[in-house]
Amino acid sequence: MLTGLRLGTIRGFSGVTYLADVEIEGYVSTYLTGVPVAFHVREDLVTDGTACLVALLDPLNPRAAVVVALFDGRPAEDPRFDPVVGHKHRGLVGDGPELA
């Protein structure tokens, strides 16, 4: 049964509903459709082919799931991204220097 944390691949996403279609690793060509994406995940990064981590919450309902993380890349076009620290500096106390 599908439960716990699973690796997957985004196969579709709607920014209006914040729902994704996800192919779970090991289940080729089988998609979970309408999977909610956690609100902390940036909309512009949820693209077809992006690797993701899916929390499957109910063993009797494979649609009771949520995309909790994306990985396997970063937005190269973001000039404020610090490749050493791994996040954008926002000038918060203890957050390091603010990058222009």
C-alpha atoms as a PDB file:
ATOM      1  CA  MET A   1       0.000   0.000   0.000  1.00  0.00           C
ATOM      2  CA  LEU A   2       1.038   3.561  -0.577  1.00  0.00           C
ATOM      3  CA  THR A   3       1.692   5.215   2.762  1.00  0.00           C
ATOM      4  CA  GLY A   4       4.405   7.361   4.290  1.00  0.00           C
ATOM      5  CA  LEU A   5       6.863   9.468   2.325  1.00  0.00           C
ATOM      6  CA  ARG A   6       7.440   8.627  -1.336  1.00  0.00           C
ATOM      7  CA  LEU A   7       9.589  10.065  -4.092  1.00  0.00           C
ATOM      8  CA  GLY A   8       7.749  11.277  -7.139  1.00  0.00           C
ATOM      9  CA  THR A   9       7.874  13.389 -10.280  1.00  0.00           C
ATOM     10  CA  ILE A  10       5.575  16.303 -11.062  1.00  0.00           C
ATOM     11  CA  ARG A  11       3.634  15.599 -14.262  1.00  0.00           C
ATOM     12  CA  GLY A  12       1.284  18.579 -14.210  1.00  0.00           C
ATOM     13  CA  PHE A  13       0.369  21.552 -12.016  1.00  0.00           C
ATOM     14  CA  SER A  14      -2.380  24.158 -11.738  1.00  0.00           C
ATOM     15  CA  GLY A  15      -1.357  27.414 -10.051  1.00  0.00           C
ATOM     16  CA  VAL A  16      -5.044  28.335  -9.722  1.00  0.00           C
ATOM     17  CA  THR A  17      -5.992  25.318  -7.601  1.00  0.00           C
ATOM     18  CA  TYR A  18      -2.459  24.538  -6.322  1.00  0.00           C
ATOM     19  CA  LEU A  19      -2.960  20.880  -7.266  1.00  0.00           C
ATOM     20  CA  ALA A  20      -0.434  18.666  -9.037  1.00  0.00           C
ATOM     21  CA  ASP A  21      -0.403  15.392 -10.924  1.00  0.00           C
ATOM     22  CA  VAL A  22       2.387  13.227  -9.529  1.00  0.00           C
ATOM     23  CA  GLU A  23       3.998  10.024 -10.790  1.00  0.00           C
ATOM     24  CA  ILE A  24       5.135   8.004  -7.760  1.00  0.00           C
ATOM     25  CA  GLU A  25       8.550   6.356  -8.152  1.00  0.00           C
ATOM     26  CA  GLY A  26       8.156   2.631  -8.799  1.00  0.00           C
ATOM     27  CA  TYR A  27       4.680   3.073 -10.323  1.00  0.00           C
ATOM     28  CA  VAL A  28       5.600   4.018 -13.896  1.00  0.00           C
ATOM     29  CA  SER A  29       2.844   5.732 -15.895  1.00  0.00           C
ATOM     30  CA  THR A  30       0.527   5.711 -12.878  1.00  0.00           C
ATOM     31  CA  TYR A  31      -0.302   9.216 -11.695  1.00  0.00           C
ATOM     32  CA  LEU A  32      -1.980  10.546  -8.604  1.00  0.00           C
ATOM     33  CA  THR A  33      -4.096  13.428  -9.860  1.00  0.00           C
ATOM     34  CA  GLY A  34      -5.218  16.466  -7.916  1.00  0.00           C
ATOM     35  CA  VAL A  35      -2.564  16.161  -5.206  1.00  0.00           C
ATOM     36  CA  PRO A  36      -2.415  19.328  -3.062  1.00  0.00           C
ATOM     37  CA  VAL A  37       0.920  21.155  -3.033  1.00  0.00           C
ATOM     38  CA  ALA A  38       2.064  22.621   0.301  1.00  0.00           C
ATOM     39  CA  PHE A  39       1.726  26.403   0.307  1.00  0.00           C
ATOM     40  CA  HIS A  40       5.385  26.965   1.207  1.00  0.00           C
ATOM     41  CA  VAL A  41       6.412  25.452  -2.168  1.00  0.00           C
ATOM     42  CA  ARG A  42       7.020  28.197  -4.735  1.00  0.00           C
ATOM     43  CA  GLU A  43       4.550  28.022  -7.607  1.00  0.00           C
ATOM     44  CA  ASP A  44       7.149  28.841 -10.273  1.00  0.00           C
ATOM     45  CA  LEU A  45       9.229  25.779  -9.316  1.00  0.00           C
ATOM     46  CA  VAL A  46       6.434  23.216  -9.666  1.00  0.00           C
ATOM     47  CA  THR A  47       7.091  22.254 -13.272  1.00  0.00           C
ATOM     48  CA  ASP A  48       6.721  19.054 -15.285  1.00  0.00           C
ATOM     49  CA  GLY A  49       9.592  16.683 -14.535  1.00  0.00           C
ATOM     50  CA  THR A  50      10.554  18.191 -11.171  1.00  0.00           C
ATOM     51  CA  ALA A  51      11.412  15.623  -8.495  1.00  0.00           C
ATOM     52  CA  CYS A  52       9.250  15.851  -5.384  1.00  0.00           C
ATOM     53  CA  LEU A  53       8.566  14.293  -2.007  1.00  0.00           C
ATOM     54  CA  VAL A  54       4.965  13.254  -1.383  1.00  0.00           C
ATOM     55  CA  ALA A  55       3.439  12.507   2.008  1.00  0.00           C
ATOM     56  CA  LEU A  56       0.741   9.843   1.634  1.00  0.00           C
ATOM     57  CA  LEU A  57      -1.494  10.180   4.661  1.00  0.00           C
ATOM     58  CA  ASP A  58      -4.172   7.490   4.388  1.00  0.00           C
ATOM     59  CA  PRO A  59      -3.422   3.926   3.248  1.00  0.00           C
ATOM     60  CA  LEU A  60      -7.018   3.490   2.094  1.00  0.00           C
ATOM     61  CA  ASN A  61      -7.124   6.708   0.068  1.00  0.00           C
ATOM     62  CA  PRO A  62      -4.164   7.379  -2.258  1.00  0.00           C
ATOM     63  CA  ARG A  63      -5.592  10.848  -2.965  1.00  0.00           C
ATOM     64  CA  ALA A  64      -5.025  11.818   0.684  1.00  0.00           C
ATOM     65  CA  ALA A  65      -1.565  13.090  -0.109  1.00  0.00           C
ATOM     66  CA  VAL A  66       0.413  16.331  -0.260  1.00  0.00           C
ATOM     67  CA  VAL A  67       3.540  17.428  -2.124  1.00  0.00           C
ATOM     68  CA  VAL A  68       5.785  18.641   0.697  1.00  0.00           C
ATOM     69  CA  ALA A  69       9.099  19.340  -1.067  1.00  0.00           C
ATOM     70  CA  LEU A  70      10.777  19.765  -4.429  1.00  0.00           C
ATOM     71  CA  PHE A  71      14.392  18.942  -5.143  1.00  0.00           C
ATOM     72  CA  ASP A  72      16.909  18.097  -7.835  1.00  0.00           C
ATOM     73  CA  GLY A  73      17.603  21.621  -8.961  1.00  0.00           C
ATOM     74  CA  ARG A  74      17.154  25.306  -8.260  1.00  0.00           C
ATOM     75  CA  PRO A  75      16.070  28.339 -10.277  1.00  0.00           C
ATOM     76  CA  ALA A  76      19.237  29.445 -12.084  1.00  0.00           C
ATOM     77  CA  GLU A  77      17.704  32.801 -13.074  1.00  0.00           C
ATOM     78  CA  ASP A  78      17.444  34.061  -9.493  1.00  0.00           C
ATOM     79  CA  PRO A  79      20.428  36.401  -8.927  1.00  0.00           C
ATOM     80  CA  ARG A  80      19.748  36.632  -5.184  1.00  0.00           C
ATOM     81  CA  PHE A  81      20.290  32.897  -4.682  1.00  0.00           C
ATOM     82  CA  ASP A  82      23.436  32.227  -2.665  1.00  0.00           C
ATOM     83  CA  PRO A  83      25.019  28.992  -3.986  1.00  0.00           C
ATOM     84  CA  VAL A  84      27.027  28.509  -0.781  1.00  0.00           C
ATOM     85  CA  VAL A  85      24.285  29.028   1.793  1.00  0.00           C
ATOM     86  CA  GLY A  86      21.508  27.741  -0.437  1.00  0.00           C
ATOM     87  CA  HIS A  87      18.781  30.332   0.050  1.00  0.00           C
ATOM     88  CA  LYS A  88      17.881  33.936  -0.620  1.00  0.00           C
ATOM     89  CA  HIS A  89      19.030  36.478   1.924  1.00  0.00           C
ATOM     90  CA  ARG A  90      16.195  38.748   2.967  1.00  0.00           C
ATOM     91  CA  GLY A  91      18.094  40.960   5.389  1.00  0.00           C
ATOM     92  CA  LEU A  92      16.590  39.347   8.477  1.00  0.00           C
ATOM     93  CA  VAL A  93      18.512  39.401  11.733  1.00  0.00           C
ATOM     94  CA  GLY A  94      21.027  36.552  11.662  1.00  0.00           C
ATOM     95  CA  ASP A  95      20.272  35.788   8.017  1.00  0.00           C
ATOM     96  CA  GLY A  96      23.656  36.902   6.684  1.00  0.00           C
ATOM     97  CA  PRO A  97      24.395  39.815   4.383  1.00  0.00           C
ATOM     98  CA  GLU A  98      21.693  41.053   2.038  1.00  0.00           C
ATOM     99  CA  LEU A  99      22.633  40.449  -1.575  1.00  0.00           C
ATOM    100  CA  ALA A 100      21.820  43.156  -4.106  1.00  0.00           C
END
